[in-house]
Amino acid sequence: MSPRKSLPKSTVNNAAPAKGSGMDRDRHLEDARHHPLDHPLPHPPHKPIKKPPLPKKHTPHSRPHEEELGPHTNKPGPIKPAPKLTRTGKNQP
């Protein structure tokens, strides 16, 4: 087998390829140079939307700490055990 020979690269087309179609790109760049305010670069600054403030959350414990709450008006009654049921479904005292 003979050794591989490297072929010299042609120097005809060494220029970097243009992005997109050449004439349209050149025309677009020329327009951008002559009229810079038509296409602000990179983009105009974002303005945040002003939102109304959220309402304050209601908390039932909004009193100052260690403040006396006073006596309860409706105290709980005595605990009543549930009645026992028989097999027939009658209450057993």
PDB file of N, CA and C in Angstrom:
ATOM      1  N   MET A   1       0.829  -1.178   0.000  1.00  0.00           N
ATOM      2  CA  MET A   1       0.000   0.000   0.000  1.00  0.00           C
ATOM      3  C   MET A   1       0.873   1.240   0.000  1.00  0.00           C
ATOM      4  N   SER A   2       0.444   2.172  -0.781  1.00  0.00           N
ATOM      5  CA  SER A   2       1.224   3.403  -0.854  1.00  0.00           C
ATOM      6  C   SER A   2       0.773   4.365   0.236  1.00  0.00           C
ATOM      7  N   PRO A   3       1.662   5.208   0.708  1.00  0.00           N
ATOM      8  CA  PRO A   3       1.271   6.161   1.755  1.00  0.00           C
ATOM      9  C   PRO A   3       0.264   7.180   1.230  1.00  0.00           C
ATOM     10  N   ARG A   4      -0.568   7.611   2.143  1.00  0.00           N
ATOM     11  CA  ARG A   4      -1.615   8.568   1.763  1.00  0.00           C
ATOM     12  C   ARG A   4      -0.979   9.933   1.529  1.00  0.00           C
ATOM     13  N   LYS A   5      -1.350  10.565   0.437  1.00  0.00           N
ATOM     14  CA  LYS A   5      -0.810  11.878   0.118  1.00  0.00           C
ATOM     15  C   LYS A   5      -1.834  12.934   0.494  1.00  0.00           C
ATOM     16  N   SER A   6      -1.389  13.977   1.155  1.00  0.00           N
ATOM     17  CA  SER A   6      -2.311  15.056   1.510  1.00  0.00           C
ATOM     18  C   SER A   6      -2.364  16.045   0.357  1.00  0.00           C
ATOM     19  N   LEU A   7      -3.552  16.394  -0.031  1.00  0.00           N
ATOM     20  CA  LEU A   7      -3.743  17.342  -1.125  1.00  0.00           C
ATOM     21  C   LEU A   7      -3.775  18.754  -0.562  1.00  0.00           C
ATOM     22  N   PRO A   8      -3.142  19.700  -1.222  1.00  0.00           N
ATOM     23  CA  PRO A   8      -3.201  21.090  -0.735  1.00  0.00           C
ATOM     24  C   PRO A   8      -4.617  21.634  -0.876  1.00  0.00           C
ATOM     25  N   LYS A   9      -5.057  22.353   0.129  1.00  0.00           N
ATOM     26  CA  LYS A   9      -6.407  22.919   0.102  1.00  0.00           C
ATOM     27  C   LYS A   9      -6.430  24.104  -0.837  1.00  0.00           C
ATOM     28  N   SER A  10      -7.515  24.264  -1.519  1.00  0.00           N
ATOM     29  CA  SER A  10      -7.611  25.392  -2.450  1.00  0.00           C
ATOM     30  C   SER A  10      -7.793  26.682  -1.655  1.00  0.00           C
ATOM     31  N   THR A  11      -7.181  27.720  -2.121  1.00  0.00           N
ATOM     32  CA  THR A  11      -7.239  29.007  -1.430  1.00  0.00           C
ATOM     33  C   THR A  11      -8.249  29.933  -2.069  1.00  0.00           C
ATOM     34  N   VAL A  12      -9.097  29.414  -2.928  1.00  0.00           N
ATOM     35  CA  VAL A  12     -10.055  30.251  -3.644  1.00  0.00           C
ATOM     36  C   VAL A  12     -11.159  30.732  -2.710  1.00  0.00           C
ATOM     37  N   ASN A  13     -11.700  29.847  -1.866  1.00  0.00           N
ATOM     38  CA  ASN A  13     -12.873  30.189  -1.057  1.00  0.00           C
ATOM     39  C   ASN A  13     -12.517  30.109   0.426  1.00  0.00           C
ATOM     40  N   ASN A  14     -11.550  30.879   0.886  1.00  0.00           N
ATOM     41  CA  ASN A  14     -11.153  30.865   2.290  1.00  0.00           C
ATOM     42  C   ASN A  14     -11.913  31.888   3.121  1.00  0.00           C
ATOM     43  N   ALA A  15     -12.682  32.760   2.501  1.00  0.00           N
ATOM     44  CA  ALA A  15     -13.419  33.779   3.245  1.00  0.00           C
ATOM     45  C   ALA A  15     -14.506  33.102   4.075  1.00  0.00           C
ATOM     46  N   ALA A  16     -14.794  33.677   5.222  1.00  0.00           N
ATOM     47  CA  ALA A  16     -15.840  33.123   6.087  1.00  0.00           C
ATOM     48  C   ALA A  16     -17.189  33.283   5.395  1.00  0.00           C
ATOM     49  N   PRO A  17     -18.000  32.263   5.431  1.00  0.00           N
ATOM     50  CA  PRO A  17     -19.302  32.387   4.765  1.00  0.00           C
ATOM     51  C   PRO A  17     -20.176  33.411   5.484  1.00  0.00           C
ATOM     52  N   ALA A  18     -20.901  34.191   4.696  1.00  0.00           N
ATOM     53  CA  ALA A  18     -21.792  35.205   5.271  1.00  0.00           C
ATOM     54  C   ALA A  18     -23.009  34.512   5.852  1.00  0.00           C
ATOM     55  N   LYS A  19     -23.545  35.069   6.912  1.00  0.00           N
ATOM     56  CA  LYS A  19     -24.737  34.492   7.520  1.00  0.00           C
ATOM     57  C   LYS A  19     -25.950  34.957   6.732  1.00  0.00           C
ATOM     58  N   GLY A  20     -26.808  34.056   6.400  1.00  0.00           N
ATOM     59  CA  GLY A  20     -28.009  34.416   5.658  1.00  0.00           C
ATOM     60  C   GLY A  20     -27.672  34.778   4.223  1.00  0.00           C
ATOM     61  N   SER A  21     -28.638  35.334   3.526  1.00  0.00           N
ATOM     62  CA  SER A  21     -28.374  35.752   2.150  1.00  0.00           C
ATOM     63  C   SER A  21     -27.624  37.074   2.185  1.00  0.00           C
ATOM     64  N   GLY A  22     -26.565  37.184   1.403  1.00  0.00           N
ATOM     65  CA  GLY A  22     -25.639  38.300   1.477  1.00  0.00           C
ATOM     66  C   GLY A  22     -26.256  39.657   1.234  1.00  0.00           C
ATOM     67  N   MET A  23     -27.023  39.806   0.163  1.00  0.00           N
ATOM     68  CA  MET A  23     -27.551  41.130  -0.183  1.00  0.00           C
ATOM     69  C   MET A  23     -28.562  41.604   0.863  1.00  0.00           C
ATOM     70  N   ASP A  24     -29.418  40.715   1.308  1.00  0.00           N
ATOM     71  CA  ASP A  24     -30.415  41.113   2.306  1.00  0.00           C
ATOM     72  C   ASP A  24     -29.742  41.487   3.622  1.00  0.00           C
ATOM     73  N   ARG A  25     -28.729  40.728   4.003  1.00  0.00           N
ATOM     74  CA  ARG A  25     -28.028  41.011   5.259  1.00  0.00           C
ATOM     75  C   ARG A  25     -27.310  42.346   5.178  1.00  0.00           C
ATOM     76  N   ASP A  26     -26.640  42.586   4.067  1.00  0.00           N
ATOM     77  CA  ASP A  26     -25.935  43.862   3.905  1.00  0.00           C
ATOM     78  C   ASP A  26     -26.914  45.028   3.933  1.00  0.00           C
ATOM     79  N   ARG A  27     -28.043  44.865   3.260  1.00  0.00           N
ATOM     80  CA  ARG A  27     -29.038  45.942   3.228  1.00  0.00           C
ATOM     81  C   ARG A  27     -29.605  46.183   4.628  1.00  0.00           C
ATOM     82  N   HIS A  28     -29.839  45.119   5.352  1.00  0.00           N
ATOM     83  CA  HIS A  28     -30.368  45.258   6.709  1.00  0.00           C
ATOM     84  C   HIS A  28     -29.360  45.964   7.614  1.00  0.00           C
ATOM     85  N   LEU A  29     -28.083  45.585   7.516  1.00  0.00           N
ATOM     86  CA  LEU A  29     -27.060  46.232   8.333  1.00  0.00           C
ATOM     87  C   LEU A  29     -26.901  47.701   7.963  1.00  0.00           C
ATOM     88  N   GLU A  30     -27.009  48.004   6.669  1.00  0.00           N
ATOM     89  CA  GLU A  30     -26.898  49.397   6.241  1.00  0.00           C
ATOM     90  C   GLU A  30     -28.072  50.211   6.780  1.00  0.00           C
ATOM     91  N   ASP A  31     -29.269  49.655   6.727  1.00  0.00           N
ATOM     92  CA  ASP A  31     -30.438  50.347   7.288  1.00  0.00           C
ATOM     93  C   ASP A  31     -30.259  50.564   8.787  1.00  0.00           C
ATOM     94  N   ALA A  32     -29.725  49.574   9.472  1.00  0.00           N
ATOM     95  CA  ALA A  32     -29.539  49.700  10.914  1.00  0.00           C
ATOM     96  C   ALA A  32     -28.497  50.764  11.238  1.00  0.00           C
ATOM     97  N   ARG A  33     -27.476  50.902  10.378  1.00  0.00           N
ATOM     98  CA  ARG A  33     -26.459  51.929  10.614  1.00  0.00           C
ATOM     99  C   ARG A  33     -27.019  53.326  10.365  1.00  0.00           C
ATOM    100  N   HIS A  34     -27.829  53.465   9.322  1.00  0.00           N
ATOM    101  CA  HIS A  34     -28.349  54.789   8.973  1.00  0.00           C
ATOM    102  C   HIS A  34     -29.510  55.215   9.868  1.00  0.00           C
ATOM    103  N   HIS A  35     -30.282  54.245  10.352  1.00  0.00           N
ATOM    104  CA  HIS A  35     -31.444  54.545  11.196  1.00  0.00           C
ATOM    105  C   HIS A  35     -31.338  53.735  12.488  1.00  0.00           C
ATOM    106  N   PRO A  36     -30.470  54.139  13.402  1.00  0.00           N
ATOM    107  CA  PRO A  36     -30.249  53.306  14.593  1.00  0.00           C
ATOM    108  C   PRO A  36     -31.437  53.264  15.539  1.00  0.00           C
ATOM    109  N   LEU A  37     -32.311  54.264  15.513  1.00  0.00           N
ATOM    110  CA  LEU A  37     -33.426  54.265  16.464  1.00  0.00           C
ATOM    111  C   LEU A  37     -34.563  53.352  16.030  1.00  0.00           C
ATOM    112  N   ASP A  38     -34.558  52.905  14.757  1.00  0.00           N
ATOM    113  CA  ASP A  38     -35.592  51.969  14.319  1.00  0.00           C
ATOM    114  C   ASP A  38     -35.422  50.608  14.987  1.00  0.00           C
ATOM    115  N   HIS A  39     -34.182  50.224  15.250  1.00  0.00           N
ATOM    116  CA  HIS A  39     -33.893  48.925  15.858  1.00  0.00           C
ATOM    117  C   HIS A  39     -32.994  49.153  17.066  1.00  0.00           C
ATOM    118  N   PRO A  40     -33.553  49.531  18.208  1.00  0.00           N
ATOM    119  CA  PRO A  40     -32.685  49.737  19.372  1.00  0.00           C
ATOM    120  C   PRO A  40     -32.052  48.409  19.789  1.00  0.00           C
ATOM    121  N   LEU A  41     -30.777  48.443  20.050  1.00  0.00           N
ATOM    122  CA  LEU A  41     -30.067  47.227  20.395  1.00  0.00           C
ATOM    123  C   LEU A  41     -29.682  47.234  21.861  1.00  0.00           C
ATOM    124  N   PRO A  42     -29.645  46.159  22.565  1.00  0.00           N
ATOM    125  CA  PRO A  42     -30.245  44.906  22.164  1.00  0.00           C
ATOM    126  C   PRO A  42     -31.763  44.961  22.219  1.00  0.00           C
ATOM    127  N   HIS A  43     -32.346  45.681  23.166  1.00  0.00           N
ATOM    128  CA  HIS A  43     -33.792  45.895  23.217  1.00  0.00           C
ATOM    129  C   HIS A  43     -34.055  46.975  24.255  1.00  0.00           C
ATOM    130  N   PRO A  44     -35.212  47.590  24.219  1.00  0.00           N
ATOM    131  CA  PRO A  44     -35.499  48.630  25.214  1.00  0.00           C
ATOM    132  C   PRO A  44     -35.607  48.018  26.612  1.00  0.00           C
ATOM    133  N   PRO A  45     -35.341  48.814  27.644  1.00  0.00           N
ATOM    134  CA  PRO A  45     -35.407  48.253  29.003  1.00  0.00           C
ATOM    135  C   PRO A  45     -36.837  47.871  29.367  1.00  0.00           C
ATOM    136  N   HIS A  46     -36.946  46.805  30.125  1.00  0.00           N
ATOM    137  CA  HIS A  46     -38.266  46.336  30.548  1.00  0.00           C
ATOM    138  C   HIS A  46     -38.767  47.195  31.698  1.00  0.00           C
ATOM    139  N   LYS A  47     -40.027  47.552  31.645  1.00  0.00           N
ATOM    140  CA  LYS A  47     -40.632  48.314  32.730  1.00  0.00           C
ATOM    141  C   LYS A  47     -41.586  47.383  33.469  1.00  0.00           C
ATOM    142  N   PRO A  48     -41.369  47.166  34.744  1.00  0.00           N
ATOM    143  CA  PRO A  48     -42.260  46.254  35.463  1.00  0.00           C
ATOM    144  C   PRO A  48     -43.657  46.847  35.601  1.00  0.00           C
ATOM    145  N   ILE A  49     -44.648  45.981  35.585  1.00  0.00           N
ATOM    146  CA  ILE A  49     -46.034  46.410  35.741  1.00  0.00           C
ATOM    147  C   ILE A  49     -46.267  46.717  37.213  1.00  0.00           C
ATOM    148  N   LYS A  50     -46.821  47.891  37.485  1.00  0.00           N
ATOM    149  CA  LYS A  50     -47.090  48.261  38.871  1.00  0.00           C
ATOM    150  C   LYS A  50     -48.359  47.553  39.327  1.00  0.00           C
ATOM    151  N   LYS A  51     -48.245  46.821  40.402  1.00  0.00           N
ATOM    152  CA  LYS A  51     -49.379  46.078  40.933  1.00  0.00           C
ATOM    153  C   LYS A  51     -49.812  46.719  42.243  1.00  0.00           C
ATOM    154  N   PRO A  52     -51.117  46.693  42.544  1.00  0.00           N
ATOM    155  CA  PRO A  52     -51.559  47.239  43.829  1.00  0.00           C
ATOM    156  C   PRO A  52     -51.043  46.357  44.962  1.00  0.00           C
ATOM    157  N   PRO A  53     -50.788  46.947  46.120  1.00  0.00           N
ATOM    158  CA  PRO A  53     -50.277  46.129  47.231  1.00  0.00           C
ATOM    159  C   PRO A  53     -51.334  45.139  47.696  1.00  0.00           C
ATOM    160  N   LEU A  54     -50.869  43.995  48.144  1.00  0.00           N
ATOM    161  CA  LEU A  54     -51.784  42.963  48.621  1.00  0.00           C
ATOM    162  C   LEU A  54     -52.400  43.387  49.951  1.00  0.00           C
ATOM    163  N   PRO A  55     -53.656  42.999  50.207  1.00  0.00           N
ATOM    164  CA  PRO A  55     -54.259  43.343  51.499  1.00  0.00           C
ATOM    165  C   PRO A  55     -53.561  42.570  52.616  1.00  0.00           C
ATOM    166  N   LYS A  56     -53.575  43.161  53.808  1.00  0.00           N
ATOM    167  CA  LYS A  56     -52.943  42.500  54.944  1.00  0.00           C
ATOM    168  C   LYS A  56     -53.764  41.280  55.332  1.00  0.00           C
ATOM    169  N   LYS A  57     -53.076  40.228  55.710  1.00  0.00           N
ATOM    170  CA  LYS A  57     -53.769  39.002  56.099  1.00  0.00           C
ATOM    171  C   LYS A  57     -54.406  39.191  57.469  1.00  0.00           C
ATOM    172  N   HIS A  58     -55.620  38.695  57.601  1.00  0.00           N
ATOM    173  CA  HIS A  58     -56.325  38.796  58.876  1.00  0.00           C
ATOM    174  C   HIS A  58     -55.829  37.687  59.794  1.00  0.00           C
ATOM    175  N   THR A  59     -55.414  38.056  60.968  1.00  0.00           N
ATOM    176  CA  THR A  59     -55.034  37.056  61.955  1.00  0.00           C
ATOM    177  C   THR A  59     -55.906  37.259  63.185  1.00  0.00           C
ATOM    178  N   PRO A  60     -56.550  36.211  63.685  1.00  0.00           N
ATOM    179  CA  PRO A  60     -57.421  36.374  64.851  1.00  0.00           C
ATOM    180  C   PRO A  60     -56.637  36.717  66.112  1.00  0.00           C
ATOM    181  N   HIS A  61     -55.344  36.436  66.124  1.00  0.00           N
ATOM    182  CA  HIS A  61     -54.533  36.721  67.305  1.00  0.00           C
ATOM    183  C   HIS A  61     -53.690  37.963  67.050  1.00  0.00           C
ATOM    184  N   SER A  62     -54.367  39.053  66.771  1.00  0.00           N
ATOM    185  CA  SER A  62     -53.623  40.269  66.440  1.00  0.00           C
ATOM    186  C   SER A  62     -53.482  41.198  67.644  1.00  0.00           C
ATOM    187  N   ARG A  63     -53.744  40.700  68.850  1.00  0.00           N
ATOM    188  CA  ARG A  63     -53.592  41.524  70.054  1.00  0.00           C
ATOM    189  C   ARG A  63     -52.119  41.575  70.444  1.00  0.00           C
ATOM    190  N   PRO A  64     -51.753  42.566  71.225  1.00  0.00           N
ATOM    191  CA  PRO A  64     -50.359  42.594  71.708  1.00  0.00           C
ATOM    192  C   PRO A  64     -50.077  41.377  72.584  1.00  0.00           C
ATOM    193  N   HIS A  65     -48.835  41.007  72.667  1.00  0.00           N
ATOM    194  CA  HIS A  65     -48.466  39.823  73.439  1.00  0.00           C
ATOM    195  C   HIS A  65     -48.781  40.024  74.923  1.00  0.00           C
ATOM    196  N   GLU A  66     -49.167  38.918  75.557  1.00  0.00           N
ATOM    197  CA  GLU A  66     -49.440  38.853  76.996  1.00  0.00           C
ATOM    198  C   GLU A  66     -50.566  39.783  77.433  1.00  0.00           C
ATOM    199  N   GLU A  67     -51.500  40.052  76.541  1.00  0.00           N
ATOM    200  CA  GLU A  67     -52.657  40.863  76.934  1.00  0.00           C
ATOM    201  C   GLU A  67     -53.735  39.912  77.450  1.00  0.00           C
ATOM    202  N   GLU A  68     -54.417  40.326  78.495  1.00  0.00           N
ATOM    203  CA  GLU A  68     -55.466  39.486  79.066  1.00  0.00           C
ATOM    204  C   GLU A  68     -56.636  39.400  78.093  1.00  0.00           C
ATOM    205  N   LEU A  69     -57.117  38.169  77.862  1.00  0.00           N
ATOM    206  CA  LEU A  69     -58.239  37.977  76.954  1.00  0.00           C
ATOM    207  C   LEU A  69     -59.576  38.069  77.682  1.00  0.00           C
ATOM    208  N   GLY A  70     -59.592  38.014  78.993  1.00  0.00           N
ATOM    209  CA  GLY A  70     -60.847  38.095  79.725  1.00  0.00           C
ATOM    210  C   GLY A  70     -61.475  36.725  79.894  1.00  0.00           C
ATOM    211  N   PRO A  71     -62.592  36.656  80.665  1.00  0.00           N
ATOM    212  CA  PRO A  71     -63.234  35.358  80.910  1.00  0.00           C
ATOM    213  C   PRO A  71     -63.975  34.871  79.665  1.00  0.00           C
ATOM    214  N   HIS A  72     -64.064  33.563  79.565  1.00  0.00           N
ATOM    215  CA  HIS A  72     -64.818  32.986  78.452  1.00  0.00           C
ATOM    216  C   HIS A  72     -66.304  33.104  78.745  1.00  0.00           C
ATOM    217  N   THR A  73     -67.093  33.394  77.731  1.00  0.00           N
ATOM    218  CA  THR A  73     -68.535  33.544  77.928  1.00  0.00           C
ATOM    219  C   THR A  73     -69.263  32.231  77.725  1.00  0.00           C
ATOM    220  N   ASN A  74     -68.770  31.375  76.873  1.00  0.00           N
ATOM    221  CA  ASN A  74     -69.452  30.096  76.645  1.00  0.00           C
ATOM    222  C   ASN A  74     -68.477  28.968  76.951  1.00  0.00           C
ATOM    223  N   LYS A  75     -68.404  28.625  78.222  1.00  0.00           N
ATOM    224  CA  LYS A  75     -67.494  27.570  78.645  1.00  0.00           C
ATOM    225  C   LYS A  75     -68.028  26.223  78.164  1.00  0.00           C
ATOM    226  N   PRO A  76     -67.138  25.276  77.885  1.00  0.00           N
ATOM    227  CA  PRO A  76     -67.609  23.963  77.435  1.00  0.00           C
ATOM    228  C   PRO A  76     -68.273  23.201  78.577  1.00  0.00           C
ATOM    229  N   GLY A  77     -69.264  22.409  78.232  1.00  0.00           N
ATOM    230  CA  GLY A  77     -69.982  21.620  79.230  1.00  0.00           C
ATOM    231  C   GLY A  77     -69.199  20.376  79.606  1.00  0.00           C
ATOM    232  N   PRO A  78     -69.763  19.578  80.530  1.00  0.00           N
ATOM    233  CA  PRO A  78     -69.070  18.350  80.935  1.00  0.00           C
ATOM    234  C   PRO A  78     -69.032  17.345  79.777  1.00  0.00           C
ATOM    235  N   ILE A  79     -68.010  16.514  79.797  1.00  0.00           N
ATOM    236  CA  ILE A  79     -67.861  15.527  78.727  1.00  0.00           C
ATOM    237  C   ILE A  79     -68.843  14.399  78.984  1.00  0.00           C
ATOM    238  N   LYS A  80     -69.633  14.073  77.985  1.00  0.00           N
ATOM    239  CA  LYS A  80     -70.633  13.022  78.088  1.00  0.00           C
ATOM    240  C   LYS A  80     -70.135  11.814  77.313  1.00  0.00           C
ATOM    241  N   PRO A  81     -70.052  10.650  77.945  1.00  0.00           N
ATOM    242  CA  PRO A  81     -69.626   9.478  77.167  1.00  0.00           C
ATOM    243  C   PRO A  81     -70.723   9.074  76.183  1.00  0.00           C
ATOM    244  N   ALA A  82     -70.312   8.511  75.074  1.00  0.00           N
ATOM    245  CA  ALA A  82     -71.280   8.087  74.058  1.00  0.00           C
ATOM    246  C   ALA A  82     -72.074   6.900  74.591  1.00  0.00           C
ATOM    247  N   PRO A  83     -73.382   6.831  74.304  1.00  0.00           N
ATOM    248  CA  PRO A  83     -74.178   5.698  74.805  1.00  0.00           C
ATOM    249  C   PRO A  83     -73.758   4.407  74.116  1.00  0.00           C
ATOM    250  N   LYS A  84     -73.779   3.316  74.891  1.00  0.00           N
ATOM    251  CA  LYS A  84     -73.410   2.024  74.338  1.00  0.00           C
ATOM    252  C   LYS A  84     -74.638   1.434  73.662  1.00  0.00           C
ATOM    253  N   LEU A  85     -74.424   0.817  72.534  1.00  0.00           N
ATOM    254  CA  LEU A  85     -75.520   0.204  71.790  1.00  0.00           C
ATOM    255  C   LEU A  85     -75.456  -1.309  71.944  1.00  0.00           C
ATOM    256  N   THR A  86     -76.624  -1.919  72.015  1.00  0.00           N
ATOM    257  CA  THR A  86     -76.687  -3.379  72.077  1.00  0.00           C
ATOM    258  C   THR A  86     -76.694  -3.918  70.659  1.00  0.00           C
ATOM    259  N   ARG A  87     -76.742  -5.251  70.552  1.00  0.00           N
ATOM    260  CA  ARG A  87     -76.743  -5.858  69.216  1.00  0.00           C
ATOM    261  C   ARG A  87     -78.023  -5.551  68.457  1.00  0.00           C
ATOM    262  N   THR A  88     -79.086  -5.310  69.162  1.00  0.00           N
ATOM    263  CA  THR A  88     -80.359  -5.010  68.493  1.00  0.00           C
ATOM    264  C   THR A  88     -80.449  -3.534  68.128  1.00  0.00           C
ATOM    265  N   GLY A  89     -79.501  -2.698  68.560  1.00  0.00           N
ATOM    266  CA  GLY A  89     -79.503  -1.289  68.204  1.00  0.00           C
ATOM    267  C   GLY A  89     -80.114  -0.398  69.259  1.00  0.00           C
ATOM    268  N   LYS A  90     -80.430  -0.953  70.444  1.00  0.00           N
ATOM    269  CA  LYS A  90     -81.024  -0.139  71.508  1.00  0.00           C
ATOM    270  C   LYS A  90     -79.923   0.439  72.386  1.00  0.00           C
ATOM    271  N   ASN A  91     -80.204   1.601  72.970  1.00  0.00           N
ATOM    272  CA  ASN A  91     -79.249   2.229  73.884  1.00  0.00           C
ATOM    273  C   ASN A  91     -79.240   1.472  75.203  1.00  0.00           C
ATOM    274  N   GLN A  92     -78.089   1.274  75.765  1.00  0.00           N
ATOM    275  CA  GLN A  92     -77.956   0.618  77.054  1.00  0.00           C
ATOM    276  C   GLN A  92     -77.481   1.676  78.045  1.00  0.00           C
ATOM    277  N   PRO A  93     -78.219   1.873  79.150  1.00  0.00           N
ATOM    278  CA  PRO A  93     -77.830   2.921  80.107  1.00  0.00           C
ATOM    279  C   PRO A  93     -76.589   2.605  80.884  1.00  0.00           C
TER     280      PRO A  93
END
